[in-house]
Amino acid sequence: MIKYLAPKITVNPGVRFGKPVIAGTRIPVDLVVGKIAGGMDISEVEKEFDLTEEEIRAALRYAADLVAGEDVSLV
């Protein structure tokens, strides 16, 4: 069962152990975000994973939304 979590981001228990992926691929959001964080630019990620800029930006937007909704409790 495929579920859309955000535009261009899906989750399916049978794909990548249910991790969020770019829709229509098996490429996890965390991999894309990690590549950008590691210094790759968008065009490099586009080429390496055959993604569009729109898909990459969707992954970044999804990750930003997750962090924005996170509550951190300092102990």
N, C-alpha and C. Protein backbone atom coordinates (compact mmCIF):
# COMPACT_ATOMS: atom_id res chain seq x y z
N MET A 1 0.83 -1.17 0.00
CA MET A 1 0.00 0.00 0.00
C MET A 1 0.89 1.25 0.00
N ILE A 2 0.78 2.06 -1.02
CA ILE A 2 1.56 3.29 -1.14
C ILE A 2 0.78 4.44 -0.51
N LYS A 3 1.46 5.22 0.31
CA LYS A 3 0.84 6.38 0.92
C LYS A 3 1.70 7.61 0.63
N TYR A 4 1.06 8.68 0.19
CA TYR A 4 1.78 9.94 -0.03
C TYR A 4 1.89 10.68 1.30
N LEU A 5 3.12 11.01 1.69
CA LEU A 5 3.36 11.77 2.91
C LEU A 5 3.41 13.27 2.61
N ALA A 6 3.83 13.58 1.40
CA ALA A 6 3.98 14.96 0.94
C ALA A 6 4.08 14.88 -0.58
N PRO A 7 3.98 16.01 -1.26
CA PRO A 7 4.15 15.97 -2.72
C PRO A 7 5.48 15.30 -3.10
N LYS A 8 5.39 14.29 -3.93
CA LYS A 8 6.53 13.53 -4.46
C LYS A 8 7.23 12.63 -3.45
N ILE A 9 6.67 12.51 -2.24
CA ILE A 9 7.26 11.66 -1.20
C ILE A 9 6.24 10.60 -0.80
N THR A 10 6.67 9.34 -0.89
CA THR A 10 5.77 8.24 -0.55
C THR A 10 6.41 7.30 0.46
N VAL A 11 5.54 6.47 1.03
CA VAL A 11 6.01 5.41 1.91
C VAL A 11 5.21 4.16 1.56
N ASN A 12 5.90 3.02 1.57
CA ASN A 12 5.29 1.74 1.25
C ASN A 12 6.04 0.70 2.09
N PRO A 13 5.36 -0.06 2.91
CA PRO A 13 6.04 -1.04 3.76
C PRO A 13 6.92 -2.01 2.97
N GLY A 14 6.62 -2.23 1.70
CA GLY A 14 7.39 -3.16 0.89
C GLY A 14 8.58 -2.53 0.17
N VAL A 15 8.79 -1.23 0.37
CA VAL A 15 9.90 -0.53 -0.29
C VAL A 15 10.77 0.12 0.77
N ARG A 16 12.04 -0.24 0.79
CA ARG A 16 13.01 0.33 1.72
C ARG A 16 12.54 0.28 3.17
N PHE A 17 11.90 -0.83 3.53
CA PHE A 17 11.46 -1.07 4.90
C PHE A 17 10.51 0.01 5.41
N GLY A 18 9.76 0.62 4.49
CA GLY A 18 8.79 1.63 4.87
C GLY A 18 9.35 3.01 5.10
N LYS A 19 10.59 3.24 4.67
CA LYS A 19 11.17 4.58 4.80
C LYS A 19 10.59 5.49 3.72
N PRO A 20 10.49 6.79 3.99
CA PRO A 20 10.02 7.72 2.95
C PRO A 20 11.00 7.74 1.77
N VAL A 21 10.43 7.66 0.57
CA VAL A 21 11.23 7.67 -0.66
C VAL A 21 10.67 8.68 -1.63
N ILE A 22 11.47 9.00 -2.64
CA ILE A 22 10.99 9.83 -3.75
C ILE A 22 9.96 8.99 -4.50
N ALA A 23 8.80 9.56 -4.76
CA ALA A 23 7.71 8.83 -5.42
C ALA A 23 8.18 8.18 -6.72
N GLY A 24 7.81 6.91 -6.90
CA GLY A 24 8.16 6.19 -8.11
C GLY A 24 9.57 5.65 -8.15
N THR A 25 10.30 5.81 -7.04
CA THR A 25 11.68 5.30 -6.97
C THR A 25 11.86 4.50 -5.68
N ARG A 26 13.05 4.00 -5.50
CA ARG A 26 13.44 3.37 -4.24
C ARG A 26 14.50 4.21 -3.53
N ILE A 27 14.57 5.49 -3.89
CA ILE A 27 15.59 6.39 -3.35
C ILE A 27 15.05 7.06 -2.08
N PRO A 28 15.65 6.74 -0.93
CA PRO A 28 15.16 7.30 0.33
C PRO A 28 15.43 8.80 0.46
N VAL A 29 14.50 9.46 1.10
CA VAL A 29 14.63 10.90 1.36
C VAL A 29 15.91 11.17 2.14
N ASP A 30 16.20 10.35 3.15
CA ASP A 30 17.39 10.62 3.97
C ASP A 30 18.68 10.53 3.16
N LEU A 31 18.72 9.71 2.13
CA LEU A 31 19.90 9.62 1.29
C LEU A 31 20.10 10.92 0.51
N VAL A 32 19.02 11.43 -0.05
CA VAL A 32 19.08 12.68 -0.83
C VAL A 32 19.51 13.83 0.07
N VAL A 33 18.87 13.95 1.22
CA VAL A 33 19.20 15.03 2.16
C VAL A 33 20.65 14.89 2.63
N GLY A 34 21.07 13.68 2.90
CA GLY A 34 22.44 13.44 3.33
C GLY A 34 23.47 13.82 2.29
N LYS A 35 23.16 13.55 1.03
CA LYS A 35 24.09 13.93 -0.05
C LYS A 35 24.23 15.44 -0.14
N ILE A 36 23.11 16.15 -0.03
CA ILE A 36 23.15 17.62 -0.06
C ILE A 36 23.93 18.13 1.16
N ALA A 37 23.64 17.58 2.33
CA ALA A 37 24.33 17.99 3.55
C ALA A 37 25.83 17.69 3.47
N GLY A 38 26.18 16.64 2.74
CA GLY A 38 27.57 16.26 2.60
C GLY A 38 28.35 17.08 1.58
N GLY A 39 27.65 17.99 0.91
CA GLY A 39 28.36 18.89 0.00
C GLY A 39 28.04 18.74 -1.48
N MET A 40 27.27 17.73 -1.84
CA MET A 40 26.90 17.61 -3.25
C MET A 40 25.91 18.72 -3.59
N ASP A 41 26.01 19.25 -4.80
CA ASP A 41 24.99 20.22 -5.17
C ASP A 41 23.85 19.51 -5.89
N ILE A 42 22.78 20.23 -6.08
CA ILE A 42 21.56 19.63 -6.62
C ILE A 42 21.82 18.98 -7.97
N SER A 43 22.60 19.63 -8.83
CA SER A 43 22.84 19.05 -10.16
C SER A 43 23.60 17.73 -10.07
N GLU A 44 24.50 17.60 -9.09
CA GLU A 44 25.22 16.34 -8.92
C GLU A 44 24.28 15.24 -8.45
N VAL A 45 23.38 15.57 -7.53
CA VAL A 45 22.41 14.58 -7.04
C VAL A 45 21.47 14.19 -8.18
N GLU A 46 21.07 15.17 -8.98
CA GLU A 46 20.21 14.89 -10.14
C GLU A 46 20.85 13.83 -11.03
N LYS A 47 22.11 14.03 -11.35
CA LYS A 47 22.82 13.12 -12.25
C LYS A 47 23.06 11.75 -11.62
N GLU A 48 23.50 11.74 -10.37
CA GLU A 48 23.86 10.47 -9.73
C GLU A 48 22.65 9.57 -9.51
N PHE A 49 21.50 10.15 -9.20
CA PHE A 49 20.33 9.34 -8.86
C PHE A 49 19.20 9.45 -9.88
N ASP A 50 19.45 10.15 -10.98
CA ASP A 50 18.44 10.32 -12.04
C ASP A 50 17.14 10.91 -11.46
N LEU A 51 17.30 11.99 -10.71
CA LEU A 51 16.16 12.69 -10.12
C LEU A 51 16.04 14.07 -10.76
N THR A 52 14.88 14.67 -10.58
CA THR A 52 14.70 16.05 -11.05
C THR A 52 14.97 17.00 -9.88
N GLU A 53 15.21 18.25 -10.21
CA GLU A 53 15.40 19.25 -9.16
C GLU A 53 14.14 19.33 -8.29
N GLU A 54 12.99 19.21 -8.90
CA GLU A 54 11.72 19.25 -8.16
C GLU A 54 11.65 18.12 -7.13
N GLU A 55 12.09 16.93 -7.49
CA GLU A 55 12.07 15.79 -6.56
C GLU A 55 13.05 16.01 -5.41
N ILE A 56 14.22 16.56 -5.71
CA ILE A 56 15.22 16.83 -4.68
C ILE A 56 14.70 17.89 -3.71
N ARG A 57 14.12 18.93 -4.26
CA ARG A 57 13.58 19.99 -3.40
C ARG A 57 12.41 19.48 -2.56
N ALA A 58 11.64 18.54 -3.10
CA ALA A 58 10.55 17.93 -2.33
C ALA A 58 11.11 17.17 -1.13
N ALA A 59 12.22 16.47 -1.33
CA ALA A 59 12.86 15.74 -0.22
C ALA A 59 13.35 16.72 0.84
N LEU A 60 13.96 17.81 0.42
CA LEU A 60 14.44 18.81 1.36
C LEU A 60 13.28 19.46 2.12
N ARG A 61 12.20 19.74 1.40
CA ARG A 61 11.02 20.35 2.01
C ARG A 61 10.40 19.41 3.05
N TYR A 62 10.32 18.12 2.69
CA TYR A 62 9.77 17.12 3.60
C TYR A 62 10.62 17.04 4.88
N ALA A 63 11.94 17.01 4.72
CA ALA A 63 12.82 16.94 5.88
C ALA A 63 12.69 18.20 6.74
N ALA A 64 12.59 19.36 6.10
CA ALA A 64 12.43 20.61 6.84
C ALA A 64 11.12 20.62 7.61
N ASP A 65 10.06 20.12 7.00
CA ASP A 65 8.76 20.05 7.68
C ASP A 65 8.82 19.13 8.90
N LEU A 66 9.56 18.03 8.79
CA LEU A 66 9.70 17.12 9.93
C LEU A 66 10.41 17.81 11.09
N VAL A 67 11.48 18.51 10.78
CA VAL A 67 12.25 19.19 11.82
C VAL A 67 11.42 20.33 12.43
N ALA A 68 10.69 21.04 11.59
CA ALA A 68 9.87 22.15 12.09
C ALA A 68 8.79 21.67 13.06
N GLY A 69 8.32 20.46 12.87
CA GLY A 69 7.26 19.93 13.73
C GLY A 69 7.78 19.20 14.96
N GLU A 70 9.09 19.11 15.08
CA GLU A 70 9.69 18.36 16.17
C GLU A 70 9.79 19.21 17.44
N ASP A 71 9.39 18.65 18.55
CA ASP A 71 9.53 19.31 19.84
C ASP A 71 10.76 18.74 20.53
N VAL A 72 11.64 19.60 20.96
CA VAL A 72 12.85 19.17 21.66
C VAL A 72 12.75 19.59 23.10
N SER A 73 12.96 18.64 23.97
CA SER A 73 12.88 18.91 25.40
C SER A 73 14.29 18.85 25.98
N LEU A 74 14.72 19.97 26.56
CA LEU A 74 16.04 20.01 27.18
C LEU A 74 15.92 19.52 28.62
N VAL A 75 16.77 18.62 28.97
CA VAL A 75 16.71 18.04 30.32
C VAL A 75 17.77 18.63 31.19
